[in-house]
PDB file of N, CA and C in Angstrom:
ATOM      1  N   MET A   1       0.929  -0.915  -0.313  1.00  0.00           N
ATOM      2  CA  MET A   1      -0.210  -0.217   0.121  1.00  0.00           C
ATOM      3  C   MET A   1       0.996   0.912  -0.199  1.00  0.00           C
ATOM      4  N   LEU A   2       1.956   1.038   0.545  1.00  0.00           N
ATOM      5  CA  LEU A   2       2.871   2.348   0.918  1.00  0.00           C
ATOM      6  C   LEU A   2       3.338   2.772  -0.416  1.00  0.00           C
ATOM      7  N   ARG A   3       3.875   1.359  -1.397  1.00  0.00           N
ATOM      8  CA  ARG A   3       4.217   1.767  -2.644  1.00  0.00           C
ATOM      9  C   ARG A   3       3.330   2.555  -3.343  1.00  0.00           C
ATOM     10  N   VAL A   4       1.981   2.363  -3.464  1.00  0.00           N
ATOM     11  CA  VAL A   4       1.310   2.609  -4.187  1.00  0.00           C
ATOM     12  C   VAL A   4       0.966   4.167  -3.959  1.00  0.00           C
ATOM     13  N   SER A   5       1.424   4.765  -2.989  1.00  0.00           N
ATOM     14  CA  SER A   5       1.158   5.838  -2.004  1.00  0.00           C
ATOM     15  C   SER A   5       2.493   6.844  -2.861  1.00  0.00           C
ATOM     16  N   PHE A   6       3.357   6.068  -2.599  1.00  0.00           N
ATOM     17  CA  PHE A   6       4.713   6.840  -3.167  1.00  0.00           C
ATOM     18  C   PHE A   6       4.485   6.980  -4.949  1.00  0.00           C
ATOM     19  N   THR A   7       4.122   5.957  -5.105  1.00  0.00           N
ATOM     20  CA  THR A   7       4.046   5.799  -6.541  1.00  0.00           C
ATOM     21  C   THR A   7       2.975   7.069  -7.398  1.00  0.00           C
ATOM     22  N   TYR A   8       2.010   7.179  -6.549  1.00  0.00           N
ATOM     23  CA  TYR A   8       0.813   8.622  -6.896  1.00  0.00           C
ATOM     24  C   TYR A   8       1.644   9.805  -6.555  1.00  0.00           C
ATOM     25  N   ILE A   9       2.705  10.073  -5.381  1.00  0.00           N
ATOM     26  CA  ILE A   9       3.252  11.605  -5.060  1.00  0.00           C
ATOM     27  C   ILE A   9       4.188  11.706  -6.048  1.00  0.00           C
ATOM     28  N   TYR A  10       4.969  10.560  -6.641  1.00  0.00           N
ATOM     29  CA  TYR A  10       5.684  10.673  -7.331  1.00  0.00           C
ATOM     30  C   TYR A  10       5.012  11.071  -8.448  1.00  0.00           C
ATOM     31  N   TYR A  11       3.899  10.617  -9.020  1.00  0.00           N
ATOM     32  CA  TYR A  11       3.182  11.141 -10.448  1.00  0.00           C
ATOM     33  C   TYR A  11       2.522  12.218 -10.248  1.00  0.00           C
ATOM     34  N   THR A  12       2.398  13.043  -8.755  1.00  0.00           N
ATOM     35  CA  THR A  12       1.980  14.316  -8.828  1.00  0.00           C
ATOM     36  C   THR A  12       3.142  15.634  -8.738  1.00  0.00           C
ATOM     37  N   ILE A  13       3.650  14.886  -8.002  1.00  0.00           N
ATOM     38  CA  ILE A  13       5.188  15.961  -8.103  1.00  0.00           C
ATOM     39  C   ILE A  13       5.987  16.162  -9.384  1.00  0.00           C
ATOM     40  N   ASP A  14       6.422  15.176 -10.258  1.00  0.00           N
ATOM     41  CA  ASP A  14       6.995  15.256 -11.283  1.00  0.00           C
ATOM     42  C   ASP A  14       6.435  14.318 -12.141  1.00  0.00           C
ATOM     43  N   PRO A  15       5.237  14.872 -12.952  1.00  0.00           N
ATOM     44  CA  PRO A  15       4.685  13.818 -14.156  1.00  0.00           C
ATOM     45  C   PRO A  15       5.187  13.519 -15.556  1.00  0.00           C
ATOM     46  N   ILE A  16       6.360  14.850 -15.615  1.00  0.00           N
ATOM     47  CA  ILE A  16       7.192  14.262 -16.797  1.00  0.00           C
ATOM     48  C   ILE A  16       7.986  13.201 -16.785  1.00  0.00           C
ATOM     49  N   GLY A  17       8.977  13.552 -15.435  1.00  0.00           N
ATOM     50  CA  GLY A  17      10.045  12.250 -15.080  1.00  0.00           C
ATOM     51  C   GLY A  17       9.172  10.975 -14.912  1.00  0.00           C
ATOM     52  N   PHE A  18       8.233  11.019 -14.166  1.00  0.00           N
ATOM     53  CA  PHE A  18       7.464   9.872 -14.017  1.00  0.00           C
ATOM     54  C   PHE A  18       6.658   9.190 -15.776  1.00  0.00           C
ATOM     55  N   ILE A  19       6.434  10.042 -16.522  1.00  0.00           N
ATOM     56  CA  ILE A  19       6.075   9.335 -17.551  1.00  0.00           C
ATOM     57  C   ILE A  19       7.466   8.997 -18.574  1.00  0.00           C
ATOM     58  N   GLU A  20       8.479   9.864 -18.291  1.00  0.00           N
ATOM     59  CA  GLU A  20       9.727   9.374 -19.344  1.00  0.00           C
ATOM     60  C   GLU A  20      10.765   8.057 -18.897  1.00  0.00           C
ATOM     61  N   GLU A  21      10.191   7.898 -17.437  1.00  0.00           N
ATOM     62  CA  GLU A  21      10.740   6.467 -17.224  1.00  0.00           C
ATOM     63  C   GLU A  21      10.185   5.593 -16.673  1.00  0.00           C
ATOM     64  N   LEU A  22       8.798   5.473 -16.500  1.00  0.00           N
ATOM     65  CA  LEU A  22       7.868   4.717 -16.139  1.00  0.00           C
ATOM     66  C   LEU A  22       6.491   4.188 -17.100  1.00  0.00           C
ATOM     67  N   CYS A  23       6.355   5.094 -17.834  1.00  0.00           N
ATOM     68  CA  CYS A  23       5.247   4.928 -18.880  1.00  0.00           C
ATOM     69  C   CYS A  23       5.824   3.698 -20.030  1.00  0.00           C
ATOM     70  N   GLU A  24       4.539   2.775 -20.158  1.00  0.00           N
ATOM     71  CA  GLU A  24       4.788   1.769 -20.776  1.00  0.00           C
ATOM     72  C   GLU A  24       4.359   2.087 -22.442  1.00  0.00           C
ATOM     73  N   ASN A  25       3.779   2.980 -22.662  1.00  0.00           N
ATOM     74  CA  ASN A  25       3.044   3.623 -24.049  1.00  0.00           C
ATOM     75  C   ASN A  25       3.870   4.898 -24.752  1.00  0.00           C
ATOM     76  N   LYS A  26       5.100   5.171 -24.374  1.00  0.00           N
ATOM     77  CA  LYS A  26       6.154   5.933 -24.855  1.00  0.00           C
ATOM     78  C   LYS A  26       5.962   6.195 -26.312  1.00  0.00           C
ATOM     79  N   ASP A  27       5.888   4.877 -26.720  1.00  0.00           N
ATOM     80  CA  ASP A  27       6.388   5.044 -28.344  1.00  0.00           C
ATOM     81  C   ASP A  27       4.856   5.188 -29.348  1.00  0.00           C
ATOM     82  N   GLN A  28       3.960   4.783 -28.328  1.00  0.00           N
ATOM     83  CA  GLN A  28       2.326   5.368 -28.582  1.00  0.00           C
ATOM     84  C   GLN A  28       2.083   6.559 -28.190  1.00  0.00           C
ATOM     85  N   PRO A  29       2.323   7.633 -28.730  1.00  0.00           N
ATOM     86  CA  PRO A  29       1.727   9.120 -28.305  1.00  0.00           C
ATOM     87  C   PRO A  29      -0.228   9.546 -28.762  1.00  0.00           C
ATOM     88  N   GLU A  30      -0.483   8.825 -29.340  1.00  0.00           N
ATOM     89  CA  GLU A  30      -1.880   8.789 -29.568  1.00  0.00           C
ATOM     90  C   GLU A  30      -3.160   8.172 -28.507  1.00  0.00           C
ATOM     91  N   LEU A  31      -2.130   7.210 -27.865  1.00  0.00           N
ATOM     92  CA  LEU A  31      -3.063   6.322 -26.712  1.00  0.00           C
ATOM     93  C   LEU A  31      -3.229   7.849 -25.237  1.00  0.00           C
ATOM     94  N   GLN A  32      -2.423   8.981 -25.594  1.00  0.00           N
ATOM     95  CA  GLN A  32      -2.509   9.767 -24.571  1.00  0.00           C
ATOM     96  C   GLN A  32      -2.516   9.075 -23.101  1.00  0.00           C
ATOM     97  N   CYS A  33      -2.010   8.119 -22.775  1.00  0.00           N
ATOM     98  CA  CYS A  33      -1.909   7.479 -21.142  1.00  0.00           C
ATOM     99  C   CYS A  33      -1.399   8.259 -20.181  1.00  0.00           C
ATOM    100  N   ASN A  34      -0.268   8.842 -20.731  1.00  0.00           N
ATOM    101  CA  ASN A  34       0.411  10.035 -19.576  1.00  0.00           C
ATOM    102  C   ASN A  34       1.096   9.211 -18.173  1.00  0.00           C
ATOM    103  N   GLY A  35       1.335   8.087 -18.329  1.00  0.00           N
ATOM    104  CA  GLY A  35       1.938   7.349 -17.438  1.00  0.00           C
ATOM    105  C   GLY A  35       0.942   6.792 -16.332  1.00  0.00           C
ATOM    106  N   LYS A  36      -1.072   7.008 -16.795  1.00  0.00           N
ATOM    107  CA  LYS A  36      -1.720   6.103 -15.988  1.00  0.00           C
ATOM    108  C   LYS A  36      -1.817   4.593 -16.493  1.00  0.00           C
ATOM    109  N   CYS A  37      -0.992   4.169 -17.191  1.00  0.00           N
ATOM    110  CA  CYS A  37      -0.752   2.602 -17.619  1.00  0.00           C
ATOM    111  C   CYS A  37      -0.002   2.129 -16.435  1.00  0.00           C
ATOM    112  N   HIS A  38       1.396   3.091 -15.767  1.00  0.00           N
ATOM    113  CA  HIS A  38       1.559   2.192 -14.744  1.00  0.00           C
ATOM    114  C   HIS A  38       1.148   2.600 -13.488  1.00  0.00           C
ATOM    115  N   LEU A  39       0.487   3.674 -13.314  1.00  0.00           N
ATOM    116  CA  LEU A  39      -0.439   3.900 -12.328  1.00  0.00           C
ATOM    117  C   LEU A  39      -1.576   2.970 -11.939  1.00  0.00           C
ATOM    118  N   LYS A  40      -1.991   2.583 -13.127  1.00  0.00           N
ATOM    119  CA  LYS A  40      -3.183   1.401 -13.208  1.00  0.00           C
ATOM    120  C   LYS A  40      -2.639   0.148 -12.645  1.00  0.00           C
ATOM    121  N   LYS A  41      -1.793  -0.371 -13.321  1.00  0.00           N
ATOM    122  CA  LYS A  41      -1.116  -1.788 -12.891  1.00  0.00           C
ATOM    123  C   LYS A  41      -0.330  -1.863 -11.849  1.00  0.00           C
ATOM    124  N   VAL A  42      -0.115  -0.546 -10.822  1.00  0.00           N
ATOM    125  CA  VAL A  42       0.459  -0.694  -9.825  1.00  0.00           C
ATOM    126  C   VAL A  42      -0.329  -0.642  -8.752  1.00  0.00           C
ATOM    127  N   THR A  43      -1.886   0.144  -9.198  1.00  0.00           N
ATOM    128  CA  THR A  43      -2.891  -0.275  -8.142  1.00  0.00           C
ATOM    129  C   THR A  43      -3.828  -1.842  -8.158  1.00  0.00           C
ATOM    130  N   GLU A  44      -3.573  -2.719  -9.156  1.00  0.00           N
ATOM    131  CA  GLU A  44      -3.907  -3.581  -9.528  1.00  0.00           C
ATOM    132  C   GLU A  44      -3.503  -4.511  -8.657  1.00  0.00           C
ATOM    133  N   SER A  45      -1.986  -4.278  -8.680  1.00  0.00           N
ATOM    134  CA  SER A  45      -1.301  -5.552  -8.194  1.00  0.00           C
ATOM    135  C   SER A  45      -1.235  -5.220  -6.555  1.00  0.00           C
ATOM    136  N   SER A  46      -1.692  -3.893  -6.129  1.00  0.00           N
ATOM    137  CA  SER A  46      -1.706  -3.747  -4.828  1.00  0.00           C
ATOM    138  C   SER A  46      -3.136  -4.527  -4.378  1.00  0.00           C
ATOM    139  N   LYS A  47      -4.413  -4.552  -5.367  1.00  0.00           N
ATOM    140  CA  LYS A  47      -5.389  -5.272  -4.778  1.00  0.00           C
ATOM    141  C   LYS A  47      -5.443  -6.668  -4.900  1.00  0.00           C
ATOM    142  N   SER A  48      -4.388  -7.303  -5.688  1.00  0.00           N
ATOM    143  CA  SER A  48      -4.230  -8.712  -5.770  1.00  0.00           C
ATOM    144  C   SER A  48      -3.184  -9.130  -4.865  1.00  0.00           C
ATOM    145  N   SER A  49      -3.671 -10.457  -4.455  1.00  0.00           N
ATOM    146  CA  SER A  49      -2.652 -11.000  -3.557  1.00  0.00           C
ATOM    147  C   SER A  49      -1.182 -11.937  -3.861  1.00  0.00           C
ATOM    148  N   GLU A  50      -1.133 -12.092  -5.432  1.00  0.00           N
ATOM    149  CA  GLU A  50       0.234 -12.341  -5.643  1.00  0.00           C
ATOM    150  C   GLU A  50       0.878 -11.318  -6.197  1.00  0.00           C
ATOM    151  N   GLU A  51       2.104 -11.556  -5.930  1.00  0.00           N
ATOM    152  CA  GLU A  51       3.472 -10.565  -5.855  1.00  0.00           C
ATOM    153  C   GLU A  51       3.858 -10.576  -7.924  1.00  0.00           C
ATOM    154  N   VAL A  52       3.727  -9.059  -8.287  1.00  0.00           N
ATOM    155  CA  VAL A  52       4.009  -9.047  -9.677  1.00  0.00           C
ATOM    156  C   VAL A  52       5.133  -8.108  -9.916  1.00  0.00           C
ATOM    157  N   PRO A  53       5.967  -8.428 -10.313  1.00  0.00           N
ATOM    158  CA  PRO A  53       7.404  -7.761  -9.940  1.00  0.00           C
ATOM    159  C   PRO A  53       7.424  -6.479 -10.854  1.00  0.00           C
ATOM    160  N   LEU A  54       7.344  -5.348 -10.298  1.00  0.00           N
ATOM    161  CA  LEU A  54       6.979  -3.869 -11.525  1.00  0.00           C
ATOM    162  C   LEU A  54       8.769  -3.205 -11.431  1.00  0.00           C
ATOM    163  N   GLN A  55       8.504  -2.514 -11.641  1.00  0.00           N
ATOM    164  CA  GLN A  55       9.660  -1.635 -12.080  1.00  0.00           C
ATOM    165  C   GLN A  55       9.658  -0.633 -10.851  1.00  0.00           C
ATOM    166  N   ILE A  56      11.180  -0.726 -10.096  1.00  0.00           N
ATOM    167  CA  ILE A  56      11.208  -0.125  -8.872  1.00  0.00           C
ATOM    168  C   ILE A  56      11.751   1.199  -9.233  1.00  0.00           C
ATOM    169  N   ILE A  57      10.954   2.230  -8.471  1.00  0.00           N
ATOM    170  CA  ILE A  57      10.964   3.791  -8.638  1.00  0.00           C
ATOM    171  C   ILE A  57      12.907   3.918  -7.664  1.00  0.00           C
ATOM    172  N   ASP A  58      13.674   4.564  -8.687  1.00  0.00           N
ATOM    173  CA  ASP A  58      14.621   5.260  -7.786  1.00  0.00           C
ATOM    174  C   ASP A  58      14.342   6.208  -7.035  1.00  0.00           C
ATOM    175  N   PHE A  59      14.178   6.782  -5.996  1.00  0.00           N
ATOM    176  CA  PHE A  59      13.857   7.712  -5.591  1.00  0.00           C
ATOM    177  C   PHE A  59      14.995   8.602  -5.039  1.00  0.00           C
ATOM    178  N   LYS A  60      16.335   8.016  -5.354  1.00  0.00           N
ATOM    179  CA  LYS A  60      17.436   9.014  -5.056  1.00  0.00           C
ATOM    180  C   LYS A  60      17.382  10.217  -6.075  1.00  0.00           C
ATOM    181  N   ASN A  61      17.161   9.976  -7.334  1.00  0.00           N
ATOM    182  CA  ASN A  61      17.080  10.819  -8.421  1.00  0.00           C
ATOM    183  C   ASN A  61      15.888  11.657  -8.650  1.00  0.00           C
ATOM    184  N   ILE A  62      14.982  11.708  -7.449  1.00  0.00           N
ATOM    185  CA  ILE A  62      13.806  12.241  -7.590  1.00  0.00           C
ATOM    186  C   ILE A  62      14.673  13.897  -7.016  1.00  0.00           C
ATOM    187  N   LEU A  63      14.073  15.025  -7.638  1.00  0.00           N
ATOM    188  CA  LEU A  63      14.892  16.405  -7.246  1.00  0.00           C
ATOM    189  C   LEU A  63      13.440  16.588  -6.272  1.00  0.00           C
ATOM    190  N   LEU A  64      13.549  16.603  -4.943  1.00  0.00           N
ATOM    191  CA  LEU A  64      12.747  16.848  -3.951  1.00  0.00           C
ATOM    192  C   LEU A  64      12.622  18.731  -3.687  1.00  0.00           C
ATOM    193  N   TYR A  65      14.178  19.267  -3.958  1.00  0.00           N
ATOM    194  CA  TYR A  65      13.945  20.601  -3.928  1.00  0.00           C
ATOM    195  C   TYR A  65      15.056  21.419  -4.527  1.00  0.00           C
ATOM    196  N   GLN A  66      15.320  22.386  -4.705  1.00  0.00           N
ATOM    197  CA  GLN A  66      15.834  22.965  -5.625  1.00  0.00           C
ATOM    198  C   GLN A  66      17.169  24.151  -4.584  1.00  0.00           C
ATOM    199  N   ASN A  67      18.192  24.297  -4.208  1.00  0.00           N
ATOM    200  CA  ASN A  67      18.880  24.967  -3.307  1.00  0.00           C
ATOM    201  C   ASN A  67      19.700  26.138  -4.213  1.00  0.00           C
ATOM    202  N   THR A  68      19.330  27.529  -4.317  1.00  0.00           N
ATOM    203  CA  THR A  68      19.515  28.475  -4.323  1.00  0.00           C
ATOM    204  C   THR A  68      20.223  29.251  -3.599  1.00  0.00           C
ATOM    205  N   THR A  69      21.032  30.277  -4.095  1.00  0.00           N
ATOM    206  CA  THR A  69      21.425  30.863  -3.451  1.00  0.00           C
ATOM    207  C   THR A  69      21.439  32.611  -4.118  1.00  0.00           C
ATOM    208  N   LEU A  70      21.451  33.459  -3.051  1.00  0.00           N
ATOM    209  CA  LEU A  70      21.198  34.575  -3.328  1.00  0.00           C
ATOM    210  C   LEU A  70      22.421  35.676  -2.761  1.00  0.00           C
ATOM    211  N   ALA A  71      22.798  36.457  -4.152  1.00  0.00           N
ATOM    212  CA  ALA A  71      23.661  37.102  -4.100  1.00  0.00           C
ATOM    213  C   ALA A  71      23.812  38.639  -4.095  1.00  0.00           C
ATOM    214  N   ILE A  72      24.179  39.322  -3.217  1.00  0.00           N
ATOM    215  CA  ILE A  72      24.042  40.484  -3.014  1.00  0.00           C
ATOM    216  C   ILE A  72      25.024  41.373  -2.681  1.00  0.00           C
ATOM    217  N   ASP A  73      25.246  42.842  -3.806  1.00  0.00           N
ATOM    218  CA  ASP A  73      26.447  43.235  -3.450  1.00  0.00           C
ATOM    219  C   ASP A  73      25.939  44.869  -2.649  1.00  0.00           C
ATOM    220  N   PHE A  74      26.400  45.000  -1.709  1.00  0.00           N
ATOM    221  CA  PHE A  74      26.755  46.055  -1.092  1.00  0.00           C
ATOM    222  C   PHE A  74      27.247  47.541  -1.240  1.00  0.00           C
ATOM    223  N   GLY A  75      28.214  47.002  -2.212  1.00  0.00           N
ATOM    224  CA  GLY A  75      29.231  48.118  -2.394  1.00  0.00           C
ATOM    225  C   GLY A  75      30.100  48.288  -1.552  1.00  0.00           C
ATOM    226  N   LYS A  76      30.696  49.438  -1.659  1.00  0.00           N
ATOM    227  CA  LYS A  76      31.909  49.673  -0.427  1.00  0.00           C
ATOM    228  C   LYS A  76      31.619  50.945   0.115  1.00  0.00           C
ATOM    229  N   ALA A  77      31.477  52.002  -0.302  1.00  0.00           N
ATOM    230  CA  ALA A  77      31.442  53.309   0.805  1.00  0.00           C
ATOM    231  C   ALA A  77      30.464  53.354   1.504  1.00  0.00           C
ATOM    232  N   SER A  78      29.122  52.645   1.353  1.00  0.00           N
ATOM    233  CA  SER A  78      28.204  53.584   2.323  1.00  0.00           C
ATOM    234  C   SER A  78      28.303  53.041   4.038  1.00  0.00           C
ATOM    235  N   LEU A  79      29.005  52.248   4.511  1.00  0.00           N
ATOM    236  CA  LEU A  79      29.516  52.000   5.788  1.00  0.00           C
ATOM    237  C   LEU A  79      30.236  52.715   6.127  1.00  0.00           C
ATOM    238  N   LYS A  80      31.006  53.005   5.681  1.00  0.00           N
ATOM    239  CA  LYS A  80      32.550  53.584   6.276  1.00  0.00           C
ATOM    240  C   LYS A  80      32.542  55.019   6.359  1.00  0.00           C
ATOM    241  N   GLU A  81      31.286  55.608   5.657  1.00  0.00           N
ATOM    242  CA  GLU A  81      31.194  57.073   5.549  1.00  0.00           C
ATOM    243  C   GLU A  81      30.661  57.501   6.669  1.00  0.00           C
ATOM    244  N   LYS A  82      29.768  57.225   6.959  1.00  0.00           N
ATOM    245  CA  LYS A  82      28.917  57.551   8.381  1.00  0.00           C
ATOM    246  C   LYS A  82      28.407  56.299   8.979  1.00  0.00           C
ATOM    247  N   GLY A  83      28.006  56.658  10.273  1.00  0.00           N
ATOM    248  CA  GLY A  83      27.593  55.569  11.054  1.00  0.00           C
ATOM    249  C   GLY A  83      26.232  55.203  10.889  1.00  0.00           C
ATOM    250  N   ILE A  84      25.921  53.965  10.928  1.00  0.00           N
ATOM    251  CA  ILE A  84      24.561  53.050  11.098  1.00  0.00           C
ATOM    252  C   ILE A  84      23.802  53.833  11.876  1.00  0.00           C
ATOM    253  N   PHE A  85      24.252  53.396  12.985  1.00  0.00           N
ATOM    254  CA  PHE A  85      23.802  53.647  14.502  1.00  0.00           C
ATOM    255  C   PHE A  85      24.066  54.782  15.172  1.00  0.00           C
ATOM    256  N   ASN A  86      22.953  55.750  15.708  1.00  0.00           N
ATOM    257  CA  ASN A  86      23.419  57.106  16.360  1.00  0.00           C
ATOM    258  C   ASN A  86      22.952  57.062  17.879  1.00  0.00           C
ATOM    259  N   TYR A  87      23.785  56.495  18.781  1.00  0.00           N
ATOM    260  CA  TYR A  87      23.392  56.425  20.257  1.00  0.00           C
ATOM    261  C   TYR A  87      23.164  57.867  21.110  1.00  0.00           C
ATOM    262  N   GLN A  88      21.760  57.508  21.318  1.00  0.00           N
ATOM    263  CA  GLN A  88      21.679  58.950  22.214  1.00  0.00           C
ATOM    264  C   GLN A  88      20.923  58.438  23.629  1.00  0.00           C
ATOM    265  N   ASN A  89      21.551  59.105  24.952  1.00  0.00           N
ATOM    266  CA  ASN A  89      21.319  58.734  26.249  1.00  0.00           C
ATOM    267  C   ASN A  89      20.290  59.454  26.507  1.00  0.00           C
ATOM    268  N   PHE A  90      18.995  59.132  26.869  1.00  0.00           N
ATOM    269  CA  PHE A  90      17.984  59.278  26.985  1.00  0.00           C
ATOM    270  C   PHE A  90      17.530  59.296  28.768  1.00  0.00           C
ATOM    271  N   TYR A  91      18.498  58.650  29.426  1.00  0.00           N
ATOM    272  CA  TYR A  91      18.609  58.386  31.156  1.00  0.00           C
ATOM    273  C   TYR A  91      18.524  59.745  31.814  1.00  0.00           C
ATOM    274  N   LYS A  92      17.578  59.926  32.782  1.00  0.00           N
ATOM    275  CA  LYS A  92      17.481  60.503  33.392  1.00  0.00           C
ATOM    276  C   LYS A  92      17.347  60.489  35.120  1.00  0.00           C
ATOM    277  N   HIS A  93      18.268  61.280  35.655  1.00  0.00           N
ATOM    278  CA  HIS A  93      18.356  60.613  37.062  1.00  0.00           C
ATOM    279  C   HIS A  93      16.647  61.168  37.885  1.00  0.00           C
ATOM    280  N   LEU A  94      16.540  60.362  38.668  1.00  0.00           N
ATOM    281  CA  LEU A  94      15.341  59.853  39.363  1.00  0.00           C
ATOM    282  C   LEU A  94      15.884  60.856  40.566  1.00  0.00           C
ATOM    283  N   HIS A  95      15.335  62.199  40.801  1.00  0.00           N
ATOM    284  CA  HIS A  95      15.406  62.573  41.672  1.00  0.00           C
ATOM    285  C   HIS A  95      13.862  62.771  43.007  1.00  0.00           C
ATOM    286  N   THR A  96      14.701  62.281  44.331  1.00  0.00           N
ATOM    287  CA  THR A  96      13.038  62.085  45.132  1.00  0.00           C
ATOM    288  C   THR A  96      13.829  62.904  46.045  1.00  0.00           C
ATOM    289  N   ASN A  97      12.765  63.238  46.726  1.00  0.00           N
ATOM    290  CA  ASN A  97      12.636  64.138  47.935  1.00  0.00           C
ATOM    291  C   ASN A  97      13.588  63.118  49.176  1.00  0.00           C
ATOM    292  N   SER A  98      12.914  61.725  49.494  1.00  0.00           N
ATOM    293  CA  SER A  98      12.761  60.952  50.714  1.00  0.00           C
ATOM    294  C   SER A  98      14.255  59.780  49.832  1.00  0.00           C
ATOM    295  N   SER A  99      14.578  59.386  51.004  1.00  0.00           N
ATOM    296  CA  SER A  99      15.639  58.825  50.521  1.00  0.00           C
ATOM    297  C   SER A  99      15.698  57.361  51.198  1.00  0.00           C
ATOM    298  N   PHE A 100      15.878  56.071  50.941  1.00  0.00           N
ATOM    299  CA  PHE A 100      15.477  54.918  51.344  1.00  0.00           C
ATOM    300  C   PHE A 100      16.544  54.315  52.313  1.00  0.00           C
ATOM    301  N   HIS A 101      16.306  53.835  53.557  1.00  0.00           N
ATOM    302  CA  HIS A 101      17.520  53.233  54.339  1.00  0.00           C
ATOM    303  C   HIS A 101      16.848  52.316  54.591  1.00  0.00           C
ATOM    304  N   PRO A 102      17.838  51.132  54.636  1.00  0.00           N
ATOM    305  CA  PRO A 102      17.426  50.081  55.042  1.00  0.00           C
ATOM    306  C   PRO A 102      17.151  49.836  56.683  1.00  0.00           C
ATOM    307  N   PRO A 103      16.317  48.906  57.403  1.00  0.00           N
ATOM    308  CA  PRO A 103      16.284  49.086  58.862  1.00  0.00           C
ATOM    309  C   PRO A 103      17.415  48.625  59.438  1.00  0.00           C
ATOM    310  N   GLN A 104      18.003  49.027  60.616  1.00  0.00           N
ATOM    311  CA  GLN A 104      18.958  48.704  61.282  1.00  0.00           C
ATOM    312  C   GLN A 104      18.500  47.655  62.660  1.00  0.00           C
ATOM    313  N   VAL A 105      19.784  46.619  62.562  1.00  0.00           N
ATOM    314  CA  VAL A 105      19.229  45.920  63.729  1.00  0.00           C
ATOM    315  C   VAL A 105      19.885  45.785  64.886  1.00  0.00           C
TER     316      VAL A 105
END
């Protein structure tokens, strides 16, 4: 059952690769099966009790993600000419009339 699920996932994610690797009617494009021949064969084999050897899908060759890098050019002069951060001290002293003294023992 798990094999059927992975086969359908592969067909959904990469239908062109699925058709190129597993379609049995590639030489007859007028049938327009688009890999559904193999899906039907896998589904029927899971329903039957006898084991029919099917073509095993090599999941190592399936591209699940694409690693892209982003290059950003910040230039040379902007950081050294002026500072980015401007520090201002907004702290003001708290002036009160009463002074706290801890109790004496």
